[in-house]
N, C-alpha and C. Protein backbone atom coordinates (compact mmCIF):
# COMPACT_ATOMS: atom_id res chain seq x y z
N MET A 1 29.21 177.49 103.69
CA MET A 1 29.35 178.92 103.78
C MET A 1 28.77 179.56 102.52
N HIS A 2 28.00 180.60 102.69
CA HIS A 2 27.52 181.36 101.53
C HIS A 2 27.63 182.85 101.82
N VAL A 3 27.73 183.61 100.75
CA VAL A 3 27.85 185.06 100.84
C VAL A 3 26.47 185.65 100.62
N ARG A 4 26.12 186.60 101.48
CA ARG A 4 24.81 187.26 101.41
C ARG A 4 24.96 188.71 101.85
N PRO A 5 23.93 189.52 101.52
CA PRO A 5 23.95 190.90 102.03
C PRO A 5 23.91 190.90 103.56
N ALA A 6 24.63 191.81 104.15
CA ALA A 6 24.64 191.94 105.60
C ALA A 6 23.31 192.50 106.08
N ALA A 7 22.94 192.11 107.28
CA ALA A 7 21.74 192.61 107.95
C ALA A 7 22.17 193.29 109.25
N LYS A 8 21.26 194.07 109.83
CA LYS A 8 21.59 194.74 111.10
C LYS A 8 22.03 193.74 112.16
N ALA A 9 21.45 192.56 112.14
CA ALA A 9 21.81 191.54 113.13
C ALA A 9 23.26 191.09 113.00
N ASP A 10 23.88 191.33 111.84
CA ASP A 10 25.29 190.95 111.62
C ASP A 10 26.28 191.98 112.15
N LEU A 11 25.80 193.17 112.48
CA LEU A 11 26.71 194.25 112.84
C LEU A 11 27.60 193.95 114.04
N PRO A 12 27.12 193.29 115.10
CA PRO A 12 28.05 192.97 116.19
C PRO A 12 29.19 192.05 115.72
N ALA A 13 28.90 191.08 114.87
CA ALA A 13 29.96 190.19 114.36
C ALA A 13 30.91 190.94 113.44
N ILE A 14 30.37 191.79 112.57
CA ILE A 14 31.20 192.60 111.68
C ILE A 14 32.14 193.46 112.52
N ASN A 15 31.60 194.08 113.55
CA ASN A 15 32.41 194.94 114.40
C ASN A 15 33.46 194.16 115.17
N ALA A 16 33.10 192.97 115.65
CA ALA A 16 34.07 192.14 116.39
C ALA A 16 35.23 191.74 115.49
N ILE A 17 34.93 191.35 114.24
CA ILE A 17 35.99 190.98 113.30
C ILE A 17 36.90 192.18 113.05
N TYR A 18 36.30 193.32 112.77
CA TYR A 18 37.09 194.52 112.50
C TYR A 18 37.93 194.92 113.71
N ASN A 19 37.31 194.93 114.89
CA ASN A 19 38.04 195.36 116.08
C ASN A 19 39.18 194.42 116.44
N PHE A 20 39.09 193.15 116.08
CA PHE A 20 40.22 192.24 116.25
C PHE A 20 41.44 192.79 115.52
N TYR A 21 41.24 193.25 114.27
CA TYR A 21 42.34 193.79 113.48
C TYR A 21 42.79 195.16 113.98
N VAL A 22 41.85 195.95 114.51
CA VAL A 22 42.23 197.23 115.11
C VAL A 22 43.23 196.99 116.24
N GLU A 23 42.96 195.99 117.05
CA GLU A 23 43.76 195.75 118.25
C GLU A 23 45.03 194.93 118.01
N THR A 24 45.09 194.15 116.92
CA THR A 24 46.19 193.20 116.76
C THR A 24 47.01 193.32 115.49
N SER A 25 46.61 194.17 114.56
CA SER A 25 47.20 194.11 113.23
C SER A 25 47.28 195.49 112.58
N PRO A 26 48.23 195.67 111.66
CA PRO A 26 48.24 196.89 110.86
C PRO A 26 47.31 196.80 109.64
N ALA A 27 46.48 195.75 109.55
CA ALA A 27 45.56 195.62 108.41
C ALA A 27 44.62 196.82 108.31
N THR A 28 44.35 197.47 109.43
CA THR A 28 43.65 198.74 109.45
C THR A 28 44.50 199.72 110.25
N PHE A 29 44.46 200.96 109.86
CA PHE A 29 45.21 201.96 110.60
C PHE A 29 44.41 202.58 111.72
N ASP A 30 43.16 202.14 111.92
CA ASP A 30 42.44 202.56 113.12
C ASP A 30 43.19 202.01 114.33
N ILE A 31 43.23 202.80 115.40
CA ILE A 31 43.91 202.34 116.61
C ILE A 31 42.98 202.24 117.81
N GLU A 32 41.75 202.72 117.64
CA GLU A 32 40.73 202.60 118.69
C GLU A 32 39.59 201.75 118.15
N PRO A 33 39.08 200.81 118.93
CA PRO A 33 37.96 199.97 118.46
C PRO A 33 36.74 200.81 118.11
N MET A 34 36.00 200.33 117.13
CA MET A 34 34.76 200.99 116.71
C MET A 34 33.64 200.59 117.67
N THR A 35 32.78 201.52 117.99
CA THR A 35 31.65 201.24 118.87
C THR A 35 30.49 200.66 118.06
N GLY A 36 29.55 200.09 118.75
CA GLY A 36 28.35 199.58 118.09
C GLY A 36 27.58 200.69 117.39
N ARG A 37 27.50 201.85 118.01
CA ARG A 37 26.79 202.99 117.40
C ARG A 37 27.50 203.45 116.14
N TRP A 38 28.83 203.50 116.17
CA TRP A 38 29.59 203.89 114.98
C TRP A 38 29.30 202.91 113.85
N ARG A 39 29.30 201.61 114.16
CA ARG A 39 29.08 200.60 113.13
C ARG A 39 27.67 200.72 112.55
N GLN A 40 26.68 201.03 113.36
CA GLN A 40 25.32 201.22 112.84
C GLN A 40 25.27 202.40 111.87
N ASP A 41 25.91 203.50 112.23
CA ASP A 41 25.95 204.67 111.33
C ASP A 41 26.67 204.33 110.03
N TRP A 42 27.77 203.60 110.14
CA TRP A 42 28.54 203.15 108.97
C TRP A 42 27.65 202.32 108.04
N PHE A 43 26.91 201.39 108.62
CA PHE A 43 26.03 200.51 107.85
C PHE A 43 24.93 201.32 107.15
N GLU A 44 24.32 202.23 107.87
CA GLU A 44 23.26 203.06 107.29
C GLU A 44 23.80 203.93 106.16
N ALA A 45 25.01 204.44 106.30
CA ALA A 45 25.61 205.26 105.24
C ALA A 45 25.82 204.44 103.97
N ARG A 46 26.24 203.20 104.11
CA ARG A 46 26.42 202.35 102.94
C ARG A 46 25.08 202.02 102.30
N LYS A 47 24.09 201.72 103.11
CA LYS A 47 22.76 201.45 102.56
C LYS A 47 22.23 202.67 101.81
N ALA A 48 22.41 203.85 102.37
CA ALA A 48 21.93 205.08 101.74
C ALA A 48 22.64 205.34 100.41
N SER A 49 23.90 204.94 100.32
CA SER A 49 24.67 205.17 99.08
C SER A 49 24.41 204.09 98.04
N GLY A 50 23.71 203.03 98.43
CA GLY A 50 23.44 201.93 97.49
C GLY A 50 24.60 200.99 97.29
N LEU A 51 25.62 201.10 98.14
CA LEU A 51 26.79 200.23 98.01
C LEU A 51 26.66 199.04 98.95
N PRO A 52 27.16 197.88 98.52
CA PRO A 52 26.93 196.65 99.28
C PRO A 52 27.84 196.46 100.48
N VAL A 53 27.27 195.81 101.48
CA VAL A 53 28.01 195.22 102.59
C VAL A 53 27.61 193.75 102.56
N LEU A 54 28.58 192.88 102.39
CA LEU A 54 28.33 191.44 102.28
C LEU A 54 28.98 190.71 103.44
N VAL A 55 28.37 189.60 103.84
CA VAL A 55 28.98 188.73 104.84
C VAL A 55 29.10 187.33 104.29
N ALA A 56 30.12 186.63 104.75
CA ALA A 56 30.25 185.19 104.49
C ALA A 56 29.65 184.51 105.71
N ASP A 57 28.55 183.81 105.49
CA ASP A 57 27.81 183.16 106.57
C ASP A 57 28.23 181.69 106.60
N SER A 58 28.82 181.29 107.71
CA SER A 58 29.33 179.92 107.84
C SER A 58 28.26 178.94 108.31
N GLY A 59 27.08 179.45 108.58
CA GLY A 59 26.03 178.61 109.15
C GLY A 59 25.99 178.69 110.66
N VAL A 60 27.11 179.06 111.25
CA VAL A 60 27.17 179.24 112.71
C VAL A 60 27.60 180.65 113.07
N GLY A 61 27.74 181.49 112.07
CA GLY A 61 28.13 182.87 112.33
C GLY A 61 28.79 183.51 111.13
N VAL A 62 29.17 184.76 111.29
CA VAL A 62 29.82 185.52 110.23
C VAL A 62 31.31 185.17 110.21
N ALA A 63 31.76 184.65 109.07
CA ALA A 63 33.16 184.26 108.90
C ALA A 63 34.00 185.39 108.35
N GLY A 64 33.36 186.41 107.80
CA GLY A 64 34.06 187.54 107.22
C GLY A 64 33.08 188.49 106.59
N TRP A 65 33.58 189.66 106.20
CA TRP A 65 32.72 190.64 105.55
C TRP A 65 33.51 191.47 104.55
N CYS A 66 32.78 192.09 103.64
CA CYS A 66 33.38 192.89 102.59
C CYS A 66 32.41 194.01 102.25
N CYS A 67 32.92 195.15 101.84
CA CYS A 67 32.04 196.24 101.44
C CYS A 67 32.69 197.10 100.37
N LEU A 68 31.87 197.89 99.73
CA LEU A 68 32.34 198.93 98.83
C LEU A 68 31.99 200.27 99.44
N SER A 69 32.86 201.23 99.24
CA SER A 69 32.65 202.60 99.70
C SER A 69 32.95 203.53 98.52
N PRO A 70 32.40 204.73 98.56
CA PRO A 70 32.76 205.68 97.50
C PRO A 70 34.26 205.95 97.52
N TRP A 71 34.86 206.01 96.36
CA TRP A 71 36.28 206.35 96.27
C TRP A 71 36.50 207.83 96.54
N SER A 72 35.61 208.65 95.99
CA SER A 72 35.71 210.09 96.15
C SER A 72 34.34 210.70 95.85
N SER A 73 34.10 211.86 96.39
CA SER A 73 32.84 212.56 96.11
C SER A 73 32.90 213.32 94.78
N LYS A 74 34.06 213.38 94.16
CA LYS A 74 34.21 214.10 92.89
C LYS A 74 33.54 213.31 91.77
N GLY A 75 32.83 214.00 90.91
CA GLY A 75 32.00 213.39 89.88
C GLY A 75 32.71 212.43 88.94
N ALA A 76 33.94 212.71 88.59
CA ALA A 76 34.65 211.84 87.65
C ALA A 76 34.95 210.46 88.24
N TYR A 77 34.86 210.36 89.57
CA TYR A 77 35.11 209.08 90.24
C TYR A 77 33.82 208.29 90.49
N ARG A 78 32.71 208.70 89.91
CA ARG A 78 31.42 208.07 90.23
C ARG A 78 31.36 206.59 89.91
N THR A 79 32.23 206.09 89.04
CA THR A 79 32.23 204.65 88.72
C THR A 79 33.42 203.92 89.34
N THR A 80 34.03 204.55 90.35
CA THR A 80 35.15 203.95 91.08
C THR A 80 34.75 203.78 92.54
N ALA A 81 35.06 202.61 93.08
CA ALA A 81 34.75 202.33 94.49
C ALA A 81 35.98 201.80 95.20
N ASP A 82 35.97 201.94 96.51
CA ASP A 82 37.01 201.41 97.38
C ASP A 82 36.46 200.14 98.03
N GLU A 83 37.24 199.09 98.05
CA GLU A 83 36.81 197.81 98.62
C GLU A 83 37.55 197.54 99.91
N SER A 84 36.83 197.01 100.89
CA SER A 84 37.42 196.59 102.17
C SER A 84 36.97 195.16 102.45
N ILE A 85 37.87 194.36 103.00
CA ILE A 85 37.54 192.97 103.30
C ILE A 85 38.26 192.54 104.57
N TYR A 86 37.53 191.85 105.44
CA TYR A 86 38.09 191.36 106.70
C TYR A 86 37.53 189.97 106.96
N VAL A 87 38.40 189.04 107.29
CA VAL A 87 38.03 187.65 107.56
C VAL A 87 38.32 187.35 109.03
N ALA A 88 37.39 186.68 109.69
CA ALA A 88 37.59 186.30 111.09
C ALA A 88 38.89 185.53 111.22
N ASP A 89 39.63 185.80 112.27
CA ASP A 89 40.95 185.21 112.45
C ASP A 89 40.92 183.69 112.34
N ASP A 90 39.92 183.04 112.91
CA ASP A 90 39.87 181.57 112.88
C ASP A 90 39.33 181.02 111.57
N GLN A 91 39.01 181.89 110.61
CA GLN A 91 38.48 181.46 109.32
C GLN A 91 39.46 181.72 108.16
N ARG A 92 40.61 182.29 108.47
CA ARG A 92 41.57 182.59 107.40
C ARG A 92 42.09 181.30 106.77
N GLY A 93 42.36 181.38 105.46
CA GLY A 93 42.90 180.24 104.74
C GLY A 93 41.85 179.22 104.32
N ARG A 94 40.57 179.56 104.42
CA ARG A 94 39.49 178.63 104.09
C ARG A 94 38.68 179.07 102.87
N GLY A 95 39.15 180.06 102.15
CA GLY A 95 38.43 180.52 100.95
C GLY A 95 37.38 181.58 101.21
N VAL A 96 37.28 182.05 102.45
CA VAL A 96 36.28 183.06 102.79
C VAL A 96 36.55 184.35 102.03
N GLY A 97 37.80 184.80 102.04
CA GLY A 97 38.16 186.04 101.36
C GLY A 97 37.88 185.98 99.87
N LYS A 98 38.21 184.86 99.25
CA LYS A 98 38.00 184.72 97.80
C LYS A 98 36.52 184.76 97.47
N ALA A 99 35.70 184.08 98.27
CA ALA A 99 34.25 184.09 98.03
C ALA A 99 33.68 185.50 98.19
N LEU A 100 34.12 186.21 99.23
CA LEU A 100 33.64 187.57 99.45
C LEU A 100 34.08 188.52 98.33
N LEU A 101 35.35 188.43 97.94
CA LEU A 101 35.86 189.33 96.91
C LEU A 101 35.18 189.07 95.58
N ALA A 102 34.97 187.81 95.22
CA ALA A 102 34.26 187.49 93.98
C ALA A 102 32.85 188.05 94.00
N ALA A 103 32.18 187.92 95.13
CA ALA A 103 30.81 188.41 95.24
C ALA A 103 30.73 189.92 95.15
N VAL A 104 31.66 190.62 95.82
CA VAL A 104 31.58 192.07 95.80
C VAL A 104 31.96 192.62 94.43
N LEU A 105 32.84 191.94 93.71
CA LEU A 105 33.14 192.36 92.34
C LEU A 105 31.92 192.18 91.44
N GLY A 106 31.18 191.11 91.64
CA GLY A 106 29.93 190.91 90.91
C GLY A 106 28.92 192.01 91.21
N GLU A 107 28.80 192.37 92.48
CA GLU A 107 27.91 193.47 92.87
C GLU A 107 28.36 194.78 92.22
N ALA A 108 29.65 195.01 92.19
CA ALA A 108 30.18 196.24 91.58
C ALA A 108 29.79 196.32 90.11
N ARG A 109 29.91 195.21 89.39
CA ARG A 109 29.52 195.19 87.98
C ARG A 109 28.03 195.50 87.83
N GLU A 110 27.21 194.87 88.66
CA GLU A 110 25.76 195.11 88.59
C GLU A 110 25.41 196.56 88.86
N LEU A 111 26.19 197.23 89.68
CA LEU A 111 25.96 198.64 89.98
C LEU A 111 26.50 199.58 88.91
N GLY A 112 27.16 199.03 87.91
CA GLY A 112 27.73 199.85 86.84
C GLY A 112 29.06 200.47 87.19
N LEU A 113 29.70 199.97 88.24
CA LEU A 113 31.03 200.46 88.58
C LEU A 113 32.05 199.90 87.59
N GLU A 114 33.12 200.62 87.40
CA GLU A 114 34.13 200.20 86.43
C GLU A 114 35.50 199.96 87.02
N VAL A 115 35.79 200.57 88.17
CA VAL A 115 37.09 200.41 88.82
C VAL A 115 36.85 200.16 90.30
N VAL A 116 37.54 199.15 90.82
CA VAL A 116 37.51 198.88 92.26
C VAL A 116 38.93 198.99 92.77
N MET A 117 39.11 199.81 93.80
CA MET A 117 40.41 200.05 94.41
C MET A 117 40.49 199.31 95.74
N ALA A 118 41.71 198.91 96.11
CA ALA A 118 41.95 198.28 97.41
C ALA A 118 43.28 198.79 97.94
N GLY A 119 43.26 199.37 99.12
CA GLY A 119 44.48 199.78 99.80
C GLY A 119 44.88 198.69 100.77
N ILE A 120 46.03 198.08 100.54
CA ILE A 120 46.44 196.91 101.32
C ILE A 120 47.78 197.20 101.97
N VAL A 121 47.86 197.00 103.27
CA VAL A 121 49.11 197.21 103.99
C VAL A 121 50.12 196.16 103.51
N GLY A 122 51.32 196.61 103.23
CA GLY A 122 52.34 195.77 102.60
C GLY A 122 52.65 194.47 103.30
N CYS A 123 52.53 194.42 104.62
CA CYS A 123 52.86 193.18 105.33
C CYS A 123 51.72 192.17 105.29
N GLN A 124 50.60 192.53 104.70
CA GLN A 124 49.44 191.63 104.61
C GLN A 124 49.57 190.78 103.34
N GLU A 125 50.51 189.85 103.37
CA GLU A 125 50.84 189.08 102.17
C GLU A 125 49.67 188.26 101.65
N ALA A 126 48.87 187.69 102.54
CA ALA A 126 47.72 186.89 102.10
C ALA A 126 46.71 187.77 101.36
N SER A 127 46.49 188.98 101.84
CA SER A 127 45.56 189.88 101.17
C SER A 127 46.10 190.34 99.82
N LEU A 128 47.39 190.64 99.77
CA LEU A 128 48.00 191.01 98.49
C LEU A 128 47.85 189.86 97.48
N ALA A 129 48.12 188.64 97.91
CA ALA A 129 48.01 187.48 97.01
C ALA A 129 46.57 187.25 96.58
N LEU A 130 45.63 187.40 97.51
CA LEU A 130 44.22 187.24 97.16
C LEU A 130 43.81 188.23 96.08
N HIS A 131 44.11 189.48 96.28
CA HIS A 131 43.71 190.49 95.31
C HIS A 131 44.38 190.25 93.95
N GLN A 132 45.64 189.89 93.96
CA GLN A 132 46.31 189.61 92.69
C GLN A 132 45.69 188.40 91.99
N SER A 133 45.28 187.40 92.76
CA SER A 133 44.65 186.22 92.16
C SER A 133 43.29 186.53 91.56
N MET A 134 42.69 187.64 91.98
CA MET A 134 41.38 188.04 91.49
C MET A 134 41.48 189.16 90.44
N GLY A 135 42.67 189.35 89.89
CA GLY A 135 42.84 190.28 88.79
C GLY A 135 43.20 191.71 89.15
N PHE A 136 43.47 191.97 90.42
CA PHE A 136 43.90 193.31 90.81
C PHE A 136 45.38 193.47 90.46
N VAL A 137 45.76 194.67 90.06
CA VAL A 137 47.16 194.98 89.78
C VAL A 137 47.57 196.16 90.64
N GLU A 138 48.84 196.21 90.99
CA GLU A 138 49.33 197.33 91.80
C GLU A 138 49.32 198.59 90.97
N ALA A 139 48.75 199.64 91.54
CA ALA A 139 48.65 200.93 90.86
C ALA A 139 49.55 201.98 91.51
N GLY A 140 50.09 201.66 92.67
CA GLY A 140 50.95 202.61 93.35
C GLY A 140 51.23 202.15 94.77
N ARG A 141 52.17 202.81 95.38
CA ARG A 141 52.56 202.44 96.74
C ARG A 141 52.90 203.70 97.52
N TYR A 142 52.28 203.82 98.69
CA TYR A 142 52.58 204.92 99.59
C TYR A 142 53.49 204.38 100.68
N ARG A 143 54.68 204.90 100.77
CA ARG A 143 55.66 204.41 101.73
C ARG A 143 55.50 205.09 103.10
N HIS A 144 55.67 204.28 104.12
CA HIS A 144 55.63 204.76 105.50
C HIS A 144 54.41 205.64 105.76
N MET A 145 53.24 205.10 105.49
CA MET A 145 52.00 205.87 105.61
C MET A 145 51.37 205.79 106.99
N GLY A 146 51.55 204.68 107.69
CA GLY A 146 50.94 204.55 109.00
C GLY A 146 51.90 203.92 109.99
N PHE A 147 51.91 204.44 111.20
CA PHE A 147 52.75 203.90 112.25
C PHE A 147 51.85 203.18 113.24
N LYS A 148 51.98 201.87 113.30
CA LYS A 148 51.14 201.08 114.19
C LYS A 148 51.93 199.88 114.68
N LEU A 149 51.67 199.51 115.92
CA LEU A 149 52.33 198.36 116.54
C LEU A 149 53.85 198.47 116.48
N GLY A 150 54.32 199.70 116.65
CA GLY A 150 55.75 199.94 116.77
C GLY A 150 56.54 200.03 115.49
N GLU A 151 55.86 200.09 114.34
CA GLU A 151 56.62 200.22 113.09
C GLU A 151 55.81 200.92 112.01
N TRP A 152 56.54 201.40 111.01
CA TRP A 152 55.92 202.06 109.85
C TRP A 152 55.45 201.01 108.87
N HIS A 153 54.35 201.34 108.19
CA HIS A 153 53.77 200.41 107.20
C HIS A 153 53.46 201.14 105.90
N ASP A 154 53.74 200.46 104.80
CA ASP A 154 53.41 200.96 103.47
C ASP A 154 51.99 200.54 103.11
N VAL A 155 51.36 201.32 102.24
CA VAL A 155 50.06 200.95 101.69
C VAL A 155 50.25 200.73 100.19
N HIS A 156 49.87 199.55 99.74
CA HIS A 156 49.93 199.18 98.33
C HIS A 156 48.53 199.40 97.75
N TRP A 157 48.41 200.23 96.75
CA TRP A 157 47.12 200.45 96.10
C TRP A 157 46.99 199.53 94.91
N HIS A 158 45.95 198.73 94.94
CA HIS A 158 45.65 197.81 93.84
C HIS A 158 44.32 198.21 93.23
N GLN A 159 44.20 198.00 91.93
CA GLN A 159 42.96 198.31 91.25
C GLN A 159 42.56 197.17 90.32
N ARG A 160 41.27 197.08 90.15
CA ARG A 160 40.71 196.09 89.22
C ARG A 160 39.77 196.82 88.27
N HIS A 161 40.09 196.77 86.98
CA HIS A 161 39.19 197.34 85.96
C HIS A 161 38.17 196.26 85.64
N LEU A 162 36.91 196.58 85.79
CA LEU A 162 35.86 195.57 85.62
C LEU A 162 35.50 195.32 84.17
N TRP A 163 36.04 196.10 83.25
CA TRP A 163 35.78 195.85 81.82
C TRP A 163 36.76 194.82 81.27
N GLU A 164 37.74 194.43 82.07
CA GLU A 164 38.74 193.45 81.60
C GLU A 164 38.27 192.04 81.89
């Protein structure tokens, strides 16, 4: 498995991984699956902003993906990004997330970013542990922020200062 920049040909796999979580998990608060057209627009927006979309390529397909998005359009946040990461259900626990997160943090440094934020739903213990193992610290918690799959979920905000 190796991590590489995503290509247009990866978009159906990226969308399938994401839509799995839309339909089965509070890992995302989206409740309707994303369409192929939506994913293409999303990809083009990231390319236009110069922010990376990475995939973990298992040799037989996309095992997971990660991206950076602008944290805010306000000027003082220009060196802060929001990170998202999703691993294919059958690839969890194999180091895919760690490889993706390490790679996207490297990309963030190369882009001159200084802070990377991650909003993680509280019940996603593996994601919380992954981010903490990679130097993220909790910066705040929003209680009862999203209602999905019959219950309320908290969002834990973690941040990583890249100068540390």
